[in-house]
């Protein structure tokens, strides 16, 4: 039973990391867009 609990915890952690990295990637893309929009022309 204990190994199943550990696997579930790991799966939960991985899901959290994936969500976080998706948000970070979106933020980086938005920053790039903003920078390119601010450039004249």
N, C-alpha and C. Protein backbone atom coordinates (compact mmCIF):
# COMPACT_ATOMS: atom_id res chain seq x y z
N UNK A 1 0.83 -1.21 0.00
CA UNK A 1 0.00 0.00 0.00
C UNK A 1 0.86 1.26 0.00
N UNK A 2 1.98 1.19 0.69
CA UNK A 2 2.80 2.39 0.82
C UNK A 2 3.38 2.84 -0.52
N UNK A 3 3.75 1.88 -1.38
CA UNK A 3 4.34 2.25 -2.67
C UNK A 3 3.32 2.97 -3.53
N UNK A 4 2.04 2.56 -3.45
CA UNK A 4 1.00 3.23 -4.24
C UNK A 4 0.88 4.69 -3.80
N UNK A 5 0.92 4.92 -2.50
CA UNK A 5 0.84 6.28 -1.96
C UNK A 5 1.99 7.12 -2.51
N UNK A 6 3.19 6.58 -2.51
CA UNK A 6 4.37 7.31 -3.00
C UNK A 6 4.20 7.63 -4.48
N UNK A 7 3.72 6.65 -5.27
CA UNK A 7 3.52 6.87 -6.70
C UNK A 7 2.49 7.97 -6.94
N UNK A 8 1.41 7.98 -6.16
CA UNK A 8 0.38 9.00 -6.29
C UNK A 8 0.95 10.38 -5.96
N UNK A 9 1.75 10.45 -4.91
CA UNK A 9 2.37 11.71 -4.54
C UNK A 9 3.28 12.21 -5.66
N UNK A 10 4.05 11.31 -6.25
CA UNK A 10 4.93 11.69 -7.35
C UNK A 10 4.13 12.20 -8.54
N UNK A 11 3.05 11.50 -8.87
CA UNK A 11 2.21 11.90 -9.99
C UNK A 11 1.65 13.29 -9.75
N UNK A 12 1.22 13.54 -8.51
CA UNK A 12 0.68 14.85 -8.16
C UNK A 12 1.74 15.93 -8.32
N UNK A 13 2.94 15.64 -7.85
CA UNK A 13 4.05 16.60 -7.96
C UNK A 13 4.36 16.90 -9.42
N UNK A 14 4.38 15.86 -10.25
CA UNK A 14 4.69 16.04 -11.67
C UNK A 14 3.63 16.92 -12.33
N UNK A 15 2.36 16.67 -12.00
CA UNK A 15 1.27 17.48 -12.55
C UNK A 15 1.45 18.94 -12.15
N UNK A 16 1.79 19.17 -10.89
CA UNK A 16 2.01 20.55 -10.41
C UNK A 16 3.14 21.20 -11.21
N UNK A 17 4.24 20.48 -11.39
CA UNK A 17 5.38 21.02 -12.12
C UNK A 17 5.00 21.36 -13.55
N UNK A 18 4.22 20.48 -14.20
CA UNK A 18 3.82 20.72 -15.58
C UNK A 18 2.97 21.98 -15.67
N UNK A 19 2.02 22.13 -14.74
CA UNK A 19 1.18 23.33 -14.74
C UNK A 19 2.04 24.57 -14.58
N UNK A 20 2.98 24.51 -13.63
CA UNK A 20 3.83 25.65 -13.35
C UNK A 20 4.66 26.01 -14.59
N UNK A 21 5.24 25.00 -15.22
CA UNK A 21 6.10 25.28 -16.37
C UNK A 21 5.29 25.84 -17.54
N UNK A 22 4.04 25.37 -17.71
CA UNK A 22 3.19 25.92 -18.76
C UNK A 22 2.98 27.40 -18.53
N UNK A 23 2.70 27.78 -17.28
CA UNK A 23 2.47 29.19 -16.95
C UNK A 23 3.76 29.98 -17.20
N UNK A 24 4.90 29.43 -16.82
CA UNK A 24 6.17 30.13 -17.03
C UNK A 24 6.44 30.32 -18.51
N UNK A 25 6.16 29.30 -19.33
CA UNK A 25 6.37 29.41 -20.77
C UNK A 25 5.48 30.49 -21.35
N UNK A 26 4.21 30.51 -20.95
CA UNK A 26 3.27 31.52 -21.44
C UNK A 26 3.75 32.91 -21.06
N UNK A 27 4.24 33.06 -19.83
CA UNK A 27 4.72 34.36 -19.37
C UNK A 27 5.90 34.82 -20.22
N UNK A 28 6.83 33.90 -20.51
CA UNK A 28 7.98 34.25 -21.34
C UNK A 28 7.54 34.67 -22.73
N UNK A 29 6.58 33.95 -23.31
CA UNK A 29 6.08 34.28 -24.65
C UNK A 29 5.43 35.65 -24.64
N UNK A 30 4.64 35.93 -23.59
CA UNK A 30 3.99 37.23 -23.49
C UNK A 30 5.01 38.35 -23.39
N UNK A 31 6.07 38.14 -22.62
CA UNK A 31 7.11 39.16 -22.49
C UNK A 31 7.76 39.44 -23.84
N UNK A 32 8.01 38.38 -24.61
CA UNK A 32 8.60 38.56 -25.93
C UNK A 32 7.66 39.37 -26.84
N UNK A 33 6.36 39.04 -26.78
CA UNK A 33 5.39 39.76 -27.60
C UNK A 33 5.36 41.24 -27.21
N UNK A 34 5.32 41.50 -25.94
CA UNK A 34 5.28 42.90 -25.45
C UNK A 34 6.51 43.65 -25.92
N UNK A 35 7.69 43.02 -25.80
CA UNK A 35 8.93 43.67 -26.22
C UNK A 35 8.89 43.98 -27.71
N UNK A 36 8.40 43.04 -28.52
CA UNK A 36 8.40 43.27 -29.96
C UNK A 36 7.34 44.31 -30.34
N UNK A 37 6.28 44.40 -29.58
CA UNK A 37 5.25 45.42 -29.84
C UNK A 37 5.75 46.81 -29.50
N UNK A 38 6.59 46.89 -28.47
CA UNK A 38 7.09 48.19 -28.01
C UNK A 38 8.12 48.78 -28.97
N UNK A 39 8.76 47.90 -29.77
CA UNK A 39 9.75 48.40 -30.73
C UNK A 39 9.09 49.29 -31.77
N UNK A 40 9.71 50.42 -32.12
CA UNK A 40 9.12 51.29 -33.13
C UNK A 40 9.00 50.59 -34.47
N UNK A 41 7.93 50.85 -35.18
CA UNK A 41 7.70 50.21 -36.46
C UNK A 41 7.04 48.88 -36.23
